[in-house]
């Protein structure tokens, strides 16, 4: 999703359109009848582009749709580096692995 967002942002900016990277999450459990979306079990990225007549419009190029209530925005930035959900440095020897799984559900 990060790559799709960056490619779309690059294309929009090459046309002179302001575009920004959106970092967030997708609701994990679709409603009955809704298809599961790609990227629902980890952080997700999509694009926000400026339309002079309509303002900021969002697009999810990974899932080929306009983001809706299942997209949860955490931050807006120029690119991933501006809004990465995790940053840090690991010091030491040996090998390291990080496994991440996210479950996003509405609360009552």
N, C-alpha and C. Protein backbone atom coordinates (compact mmCIF):
# COMPACT_ATOMS: atom_id res chain seq x y z
N UNK A 1 0.83 -1.20 0.00
CA UNK A 1 0.00 0.00 0.00
C UNK A 1 0.87 1.26 0.00
N UNK A 2 2.02 1.19 0.69
CA UNK A 2 2.91 2.34 0.71
C UNK A 2 3.43 2.66 -0.68
N UNK A 3 3.79 1.62 -1.42
CA UNK A 3 4.29 1.83 -2.77
C UNK A 3 3.21 2.41 -3.69
N UNK A 4 2.01 1.84 -3.62
CA UNK A 4 0.92 2.37 -4.43
C UNK A 4 0.65 3.84 -4.10
N UNK A 5 0.66 4.17 -2.82
CA UNK A 5 0.42 5.56 -2.42
C UNK A 5 1.53 6.47 -2.94
N UNK A 6 2.78 6.05 -2.83
CA UNK A 6 3.88 6.89 -3.30
C UNK A 6 3.85 7.08 -4.82
N UNK A 7 3.53 6.03 -5.55
CA UNK A 7 3.45 6.15 -7.01
C UNK A 7 2.33 7.12 -7.40
N UNK A 8 1.18 7.00 -6.75
CA UNK A 8 0.06 7.90 -7.07
C UNK A 8 0.40 9.34 -6.70
N UNK A 9 1.01 9.55 -5.55
CA UNK A 9 1.41 10.90 -5.15
C UNK A 9 2.39 11.49 -6.15
N UNK A 10 3.36 10.69 -6.58
CA UNK A 10 4.33 11.17 -7.58
C UNK A 10 3.65 11.56 -8.88
N UNK A 11 2.69 10.75 -9.33
CA UNK A 11 1.96 11.07 -10.55
C UNK A 11 1.14 12.34 -10.41
N UNK A 12 0.44 12.49 -9.30
CA UNK A 12 -0.38 13.69 -9.08
C UNK A 12 0.49 14.93 -9.01
N UNK A 13 1.60 14.85 -8.29
CA UNK A 13 2.49 16.00 -8.16
C UNK A 13 3.14 16.36 -9.50
N UNK A 14 3.41 15.34 -10.34
CA UNK A 14 4.00 15.63 -11.65
C UNK A 14 3.03 16.41 -12.54
N UNK A 15 1.73 16.31 -12.22
CA UNK A 15 0.71 17.07 -12.95
C UNK A 15 0.44 18.43 -12.30
N UNK A 16 1.19 18.74 -11.25
CA UNK A 16 1.01 20.02 -10.56
C UNK A 16 -0.09 20.02 -9.52
N UNK A 17 -0.57 18.82 -9.14
CA UNK A 17 -1.64 18.73 -8.14
C UNK A 17 -1.05 18.45 -6.76
N UNK A 18 -1.40 19.22 -5.75
CA UNK A 18 -0.93 18.92 -4.40
C UNK A 18 -1.47 17.57 -3.94
N UNK A 19 -0.61 16.76 -3.36
CA UNK A 19 -1.03 15.45 -2.87
C UNK A 19 -0.26 15.14 -1.59
N UNK A 20 -0.91 14.40 -0.70
CA UNK A 20 -0.26 14.03 0.55
C UNK A 20 -0.50 12.56 0.86
N UNK A 21 0.39 12.03 1.66
CA UNK A 21 0.37 10.62 2.08
C UNK A 21 -0.49 10.52 3.34
N UNK A 22 -1.36 9.53 3.40
CA UNK A 22 -2.21 9.32 4.56
C UNK A 22 -1.82 8.00 5.21
N UNK A 23 -1.52 8.05 6.50
CA UNK A 23 -1.18 6.86 7.27
C UNK A 23 -2.34 6.53 8.19
N UNK A 24 -2.71 5.26 8.25
CA UNK A 24 -3.82 4.89 9.12
C UNK A 24 -4.02 3.40 9.18
N UNK A 25 -5.25 3.02 9.49
CA UNK A 25 -5.62 1.62 9.61
C UNK A 25 -6.93 1.39 8.89
N UNK A 26 -7.21 0.12 8.62
CA UNK A 26 -8.50 -0.29 8.06
C UNK A 26 -9.23 -1.11 9.09
N UNK A 27 -10.53 -0.94 9.17
CA UNK A 27 -11.33 -1.80 10.03
C UNK A 27 -11.14 -3.24 9.60
N UNK A 28 -10.81 -4.11 10.53
CA UNK A 28 -10.45 -5.48 10.21
C UNK A 28 -11.62 -6.35 9.78
N UNK A 29 -12.72 -6.22 10.45
CA UNK A 29 -13.86 -7.09 10.18
C UNK A 29 -14.87 -6.38 9.31
N UNK A 30 -15.01 -6.82 8.05
CA UNK A 30 -16.01 -6.18 7.20
C UNK A 30 -17.42 -6.50 7.66
N UNK A 31 -18.34 -5.64 7.33
CA UNK A 31 -19.75 -5.91 7.60
C UNK A 31 -20.20 -7.07 6.72
N UNK A 32 -21.25 -7.77 7.11
CA UNK A 32 -21.74 -8.86 6.26
C UNK A 32 -22.02 -8.35 4.84
N UNK A 33 -21.47 -9.06 3.87
CA UNK A 33 -21.65 -8.68 2.48
C UNK A 33 -20.53 -7.82 1.93
N UNK A 34 -19.69 -7.20 2.81
CA UNK A 34 -18.57 -6.38 2.36
C UNK A 34 -17.35 -7.27 2.14
N UNK A 35 -16.58 -6.97 1.12
CA UNK A 35 -15.36 -7.72 0.86
C UNK A 35 -14.27 -7.27 1.83
N UNK A 36 -13.39 -8.19 2.18
CA UNK A 36 -12.23 -7.84 2.99
C UNK A 36 -11.32 -6.95 2.15
N UNK A 37 -10.70 -5.96 2.78
CA UNK A 37 -9.81 -5.06 2.07
C UNK A 37 -8.36 -5.46 2.29
N UNK A 38 -7.52 -5.19 1.30
CA UNK A 38 -6.09 -5.48 1.41
C UNK A 38 -5.49 -4.51 2.41
N UNK A 39 -4.70 -5.02 3.34
CA UNK A 39 -4.03 -4.18 4.32
C UNK A 39 -4.78 -4.03 5.63
N UNK A 40 -5.78 -4.87 5.87
CA UNK A 40 -6.63 -4.70 7.05
C UNK A 40 -5.99 -5.21 8.33
N UNK A 41 -4.92 -5.95 8.28
CA UNK A 41 -4.33 -6.49 9.50
C UNK A 41 -2.99 -5.83 9.82
N UNK A 42 -2.73 -4.66 9.28
CA UNK A 42 -1.50 -3.91 9.55
C UNK A 42 -1.78 -2.45 9.27
N UNK A 43 -0.77 -1.61 9.43
CA UNK A 43 -0.99 -0.21 9.08
C UNK A 43 -1.28 -0.12 7.59
N UNK A 44 -1.96 0.93 7.19
CA UNK A 44 -2.35 1.08 5.79
C UNK A 44 -2.02 2.50 5.34
N UNK A 45 -1.88 2.69 4.04
CA UNK A 45 -1.58 4.01 3.48
C UNK A 45 -2.47 4.26 2.28
N UNK A 46 -2.86 5.52 2.11
CA UNK A 46 -3.61 5.93 0.94
C UNK A 46 -3.26 7.38 0.64
N UNK A 47 -3.97 8.02 -0.28
CA UNK A 47 -3.58 9.32 -0.81
C UNK A 47 -4.69 10.34 -0.61
N UNK A 48 -4.29 11.56 -0.35
CA UNK A 48 -5.21 12.70 -0.31
C UNK A 48 -4.71 13.71 -1.34
N UNK A 49 -5.58 14.14 -2.23
CA UNK A 49 -5.19 15.09 -3.28
C UNK A 49 -6.10 16.31 -3.24
N UNK A 50 -5.54 17.47 -3.55
CA UNK A 50 -6.29 18.72 -3.52
C UNK A 50 -7.00 18.94 -4.84
N UNK A 51 -8.31 19.13 -4.77
CA UNK A 51 -9.13 19.49 -5.92
C UNK A 51 -9.67 20.89 -5.65
N UNK A 52 -9.31 21.88 -6.48
CA UNK A 52 -9.71 23.26 -6.19
C UNK A 52 -11.22 23.45 -5.97
N UNK A 53 -12.04 22.71 -6.69
CA UNK A 53 -13.49 22.88 -6.55
C UNK A 53 -14.07 22.13 -5.34
N UNK A 54 -13.39 21.04 -4.91
CA UNK A 54 -13.95 20.17 -3.88
C UNK A 54 -13.15 20.08 -2.59
N UNK A 55 -11.92 20.56 -2.61
CA UNK A 55 -11.05 20.44 -1.44
C UNK A 55 -10.26 19.15 -1.48
N UNK A 56 -9.83 18.67 -0.32
CA UNK A 56 -9.03 17.45 -0.23
C UNK A 56 -9.92 16.23 -0.48
N UNK A 57 -9.51 15.40 -1.42
CA UNK A 57 -10.21 14.15 -1.77
C UNK A 57 -9.26 12.99 -1.49
N UNK A 58 -9.78 11.91 -0.94
CA UNK A 58 -8.93 10.77 -0.62
C UNK A 58 -9.19 9.61 -1.57
N UNK A 59 -8.11 8.84 -1.82
CA UNK A 59 -8.16 7.70 -2.74
C UNK A 59 -7.30 6.57 -2.16
N UNK A 60 -7.79 5.36 -2.24
CA UNK A 60 -7.05 4.18 -1.81
C UNK A 60 -6.66 3.40 -3.05
N UNK A 61 -5.44 3.64 -3.59
CA UNK A 61 -5.06 2.95 -4.82
C UNK A 61 -4.85 1.45 -4.63
N UNK A 62 -4.54 1.01 -3.43
CA UNK A 62 -4.34 -0.42 -3.17
C UNK A 62 -5.62 -1.20 -3.37
N UNK A 63 -6.73 -0.65 -2.88
CA UNK A 63 -8.02 -1.33 -2.96
C UNK A 63 -8.92 -0.77 -4.05
N UNK A 64 -8.43 0.22 -4.82
CA UNK A 64 -9.17 0.82 -5.92
C UNK A 64 -10.54 1.34 -5.47
N UNK A 65 -10.51 2.18 -4.41
CA UNK A 65 -11.76 2.75 -3.92
C UNK A 65 -11.53 4.10 -3.23
N UNK A 66 -12.61 4.79 -2.99
CA UNK A 66 -12.57 6.04 -2.22
C UNK A 66 -12.71 5.65 -0.75
N UNK A 67 -11.76 6.04 0.10
CA UNK A 67 -11.83 5.67 1.51
C UNK A 67 -13.14 6.10 2.16
N UNK A 68 -13.60 5.26 3.06
CA UNK A 68 -14.85 5.53 3.77
C UNK A 68 -14.68 5.32 5.25
N UNK A 69 -15.74 4.88 5.90
CA UNK A 69 -15.74 4.74 7.35
C UNK A 69 -14.80 3.64 7.86
N UNK A 70 -14.39 2.73 6.99
CA UNK A 70 -13.46 1.68 7.40
C UNK A 70 -12.02 2.15 7.43
N UNK A 71 -11.72 3.32 6.86
CA UNK A 71 -10.38 3.89 6.88
C UNK A 71 -10.26 4.82 8.09
N UNK A 72 -9.28 4.53 8.94
CA UNK A 72 -9.05 5.32 10.15
C UNK A 72 -7.75 6.10 9.96
N UNK A 73 -7.85 7.43 9.89
CA UNK A 73 -6.68 8.28 9.65
C UNK A 73 -5.90 8.47 10.94
N UNK A 74 -4.58 8.24 10.85
CA UNK A 74 -3.69 8.56 11.97
C UNK A 74 -2.95 9.86 11.71
N UNK A 75 -2.47 10.05 10.47
CA UNK A 75 -1.66 11.24 10.19
C UNK A 75 -1.60 11.51 8.69
N UNK A 76 -1.33 12.77 8.36
CA UNK A 76 -1.09 13.21 6.98
C UNK A 76 0.35 13.71 6.89
N UNK A 77 1.02 13.45 5.77
CA UNK A 77 2.38 13.93 5.57
C UNK A 77 2.74 13.97 4.11
N UNK A 78 3.98 14.39 3.85
CA UNK A 78 4.46 14.43 2.47
C UNK A 78 4.72 13.03 1.93
N UNK A 79 5.18 12.13 2.81
CA UNK A 79 5.49 10.77 2.43
C UNK A 79 5.54 9.91 3.68
N UNK A 80 5.90 8.65 3.52
CA UNK A 80 5.93 7.71 4.64
C UNK A 80 6.82 8.21 5.78
N UNK A 81 7.96 8.77 5.43
CA UNK A 81 8.91 9.21 6.46
C UNK A 81 8.31 10.24 7.41
N UNK A 82 7.40 11.07 6.91
CA UNK A 82 6.75 12.08 7.76
C UNK A 82 5.82 11.47 8.79
N UNK A 83 5.19 10.34 8.47
CA UNK A 83 4.10 9.83 9.31
C UNK A 83 4.21 8.34 9.63
N UNK A 84 5.42 7.79 9.58
CA UNK A 84 5.54 6.36 9.85
C UNK A 84 5.04 6.05 11.27
N UNK A 85 4.27 4.97 11.42
CA UNK A 85 3.69 4.67 12.73
C UNK A 85 4.72 4.19 13.75
N UNK A 86 5.87 3.68 13.27
CA UNK A 86 6.90 3.20 14.18
C UNK A 86 8.25 3.68 13.68
N UNK A 87 9.04 4.26 14.58
CA UNK A 87 10.41 4.67 14.26
C UNK A 87 11.29 4.24 15.41
N UNK A 88 12.52 3.97 15.10
CA UNK A 88 13.44 3.62 16.17
C UNK A 88 14.73 3.07 15.64
N UNK A 89 15.62 2.76 16.58
CA UNK A 89 16.94 2.24 16.26
C UNK A 89 17.17 1.00 17.12
N UNK A 90 17.69 -0.05 16.52
CA UNK A 90 18.04 -1.25 17.25
C UNK A 90 19.55 -1.32 17.32
N UNK A 91 20.08 -1.47 18.53
CA UNK A 91 21.52 -1.58 18.71
C UNK A 91 21.81 -2.94 19.34
N UNK A 92 22.79 -3.62 18.78
CA UNK A 92 23.17 -4.90 19.35
C UNK A 92 23.41 -5.92 18.28
N UNK A 93 23.89 -7.06 18.68
CA UNK A 93 24.19 -8.11 17.73
C UNK A 93 23.04 -9.08 17.59
N UNK A 94 23.28 -10.08 16.78
CA UNK A 94 22.27 -11.10 16.57
C UNK A 94 21.21 -10.66 15.59
N UNK A 95 20.22 -11.51 15.44
CA UNK A 95 19.14 -11.19 14.51
C UNK A 95 17.91 -10.72 15.28
N UNK A 96 17.12 -9.92 14.63
CA UNK A 96 15.91 -9.37 15.23
C UNK A 96 14.76 -9.54 14.26
N UNK A 97 13.60 -9.85 14.78
CA UNK A 97 12.40 -9.89 13.96
C UNK A 97 11.29 -9.17 14.70
N UNK A 98 10.43 -8.55 13.93
CA UNK A 98 9.28 -7.86 14.49
C UNK A 98 8.05 -8.36 13.76
N UNK A 99 7.09 -8.85 14.49
CA UNK A 99 5.81 -9.27 13.93
C UNK A 99 4.74 -8.35 14.47
N UNK A 100 3.92 -7.82 13.55
CA UNK A 100 2.88 -6.88 13.95
C UNK A 100 1.56 -7.33 13.34
N UNK A 101 0.52 -7.29 14.15
CA UNK A 101 -0.82 -7.55 13.65
C UNK A 101 -1.75 -6.56 14.32
N UNK A 102 -2.63 -5.96 13.55
CA UNK A 102 -3.53 -4.94 14.06
C UNK A 102 -4.98 -5.38 13.82
N UNK A 103 -5.80 -5.17 14.80
CA UNK A 103 -7.22 -5.45 14.66
C UNK A 103 -7.98 -4.18 15.01
N UNK A 104 -8.70 -3.63 14.04
CA UNK A 104 -9.45 -2.39 14.23
C UNK A 104 -10.93 -2.71 14.18
N UNK A 105 -11.62 -2.38 15.25
CA UNK A 105 -13.06 -2.62 15.33
C UNK A 105 -13.73 -1.42 15.96
N UNK A 106 -14.95 -1.11 15.54
CA UNK A 106 -15.68 0.00 16.18
C UNK A 106 -16.07 -0.36 17.61
N UNK A 107 -16.14 0.66 18.46
CA UNK A 107 -16.61 0.44 19.82
C UNK A 107 -18.02 0.96 19.95
N UNK A 108 -18.77 0.39 20.86
CA UNK A 108 -20.16 0.80 21.06
C UNK A 108 -20.24 2.13 21.79
